[in-house]
Amino acid sequence: MRDFRFKKMLYIQKQLQKEKVKLTLDNPDLNALVFRLFDKKLQKPSVRAYFVWAVSEYIKEYVLDECVLTDYLPEQWDKVFGCQLPFVIETTMVIMYLHNQIYDAKYGVETKQKIRENVQAANLLERQLYYYIQEHFNSRESELITTYVQKMLDYVEVGQWAEQTYNHYDSYGFESEKLSISKEIDDFINLALEPIQSIIQEIQKEIPNKAEFIHNYFKRITLTTGSLFILTVELIGELLHCKYQEMSNLEPLLNFVRVHGVMRQVVNDVCDFIVGETAAKNKKDCCKDLINKNITLPLIFDLESNDSTSLVKDYLNDKITVDTLDHIVVAKELINSKAIFKAMKYGQKLVTLSENYSNNLEGKEKFLLDLNSIANNNKFYHQIFQLRNQMKNCKGKCENTREKEKNDDI
């Protein structure tokens, strides 16, 4: 299954590269500014673009009435759901990344000039995207897709605000307020978190004094990460004229996606403490959550540990500066306190939960389930286990040395 996914992702990647040409601007300098990040992302296959295709395949096979499919002949179906719509979602994601690099000071976006360039790139790319939607979809599709793209961007933006307001260390030492935004967004969050309430409650029982803070964390990551997956499913459902009964048939898929989106962010928060490079992050972006004092699940577990000599706590309380913050020491601390493994454990529990919800899906759930492999097998997790093993080996050698010195003294 994994080989099939990679081959399909590579195929879709080539389609996205062809579509990107349609957004090209006449001015080469402006073109380089707008597509700097986009070009980097298109060098590798996209999980989100594959997700669009996999969801549409599932809905076509198991949810839709056959008569609905007459709207999309086979060739048109492949073009819309295997190329154009994945391209729209990927472009939307790049716009989000450009904003996120500003908020989190990632990829060197820290100076006024770099920030200005990212703002300009995001604004121009969004404008080009709307032109693309108008030109390549019919009027009904164009209106629907534009509405959902705007909603995706809005929800993520609100999630970024919530991170600074409710999940920042400045609010960690106080009794947390309940995160509430608007009826529409609150209803979206509550529905999205229904499938994982048992896991949220399990974490809250483990750290009862931070129950509301933990709840706010999951609300926030539902907006910043989960919303893109959920709204993509809803958009495809509406594009395919899913009636009320058919939309209710989408619930098993929606529940899988609601859990999957949150799981991906928990995994991402774990990986933040390991040096690595992606399209939107470079090696210097290690520990950015800690540096920005954004309290994620691994940091919650570490802060609530009993380690009195905590580098994390010292930094958060301004006892040391960012210049003296050694990312290897931080990673070792999170390993010693077991904070990083506790967060990984809950990421794995989210995988199990999503698979339980997928039991109601038919054969093509395999296209989706393989996406869960990120919680078991990724390059950052490998580095965590390697570091833990190095620490164990070092500890064993130190104990052997001390024992030998003790015997020599005798």
Foldseek 3Di string as FASTA:
>chain_A
DVVVLQVLLVVQLVLLVVVVVLLADPDPVLRCLQCVLVVLQSVGGDPQLLLQLLLLVQCCVPQDDPVLCVVADPVRCCCVRSHVVSNLLSLLVVLLLLVVCCLLVFPVCDDPVSNVSSVSSSVSSLVSSLVSLPVPDDPVLSVLSVVLSVVLVVLQVVLSVLLVVQQFPVCQVDQGDADDDDPVLVVVLVVLCVLVPVLLVVVCVVVVSCSRSSVSQLSSLCRNFLSSQLSSSVSSCVVSVRDPVSVVVCVLVNNLSSLVRSLVVLLVVLLLLFQDDDSSHHRVSRPSCLLRRRQHQLNVLLVPFPDPPQPSVCVSVVVDDPVPDDSLVNLVSSVVSVSSVVSLVSSVVSLVSSVVSCVPRDDSCVSVNVVSCSSPDDPSVVVSVVSVVVVVVVVVVVVVVVVVVVVVVD
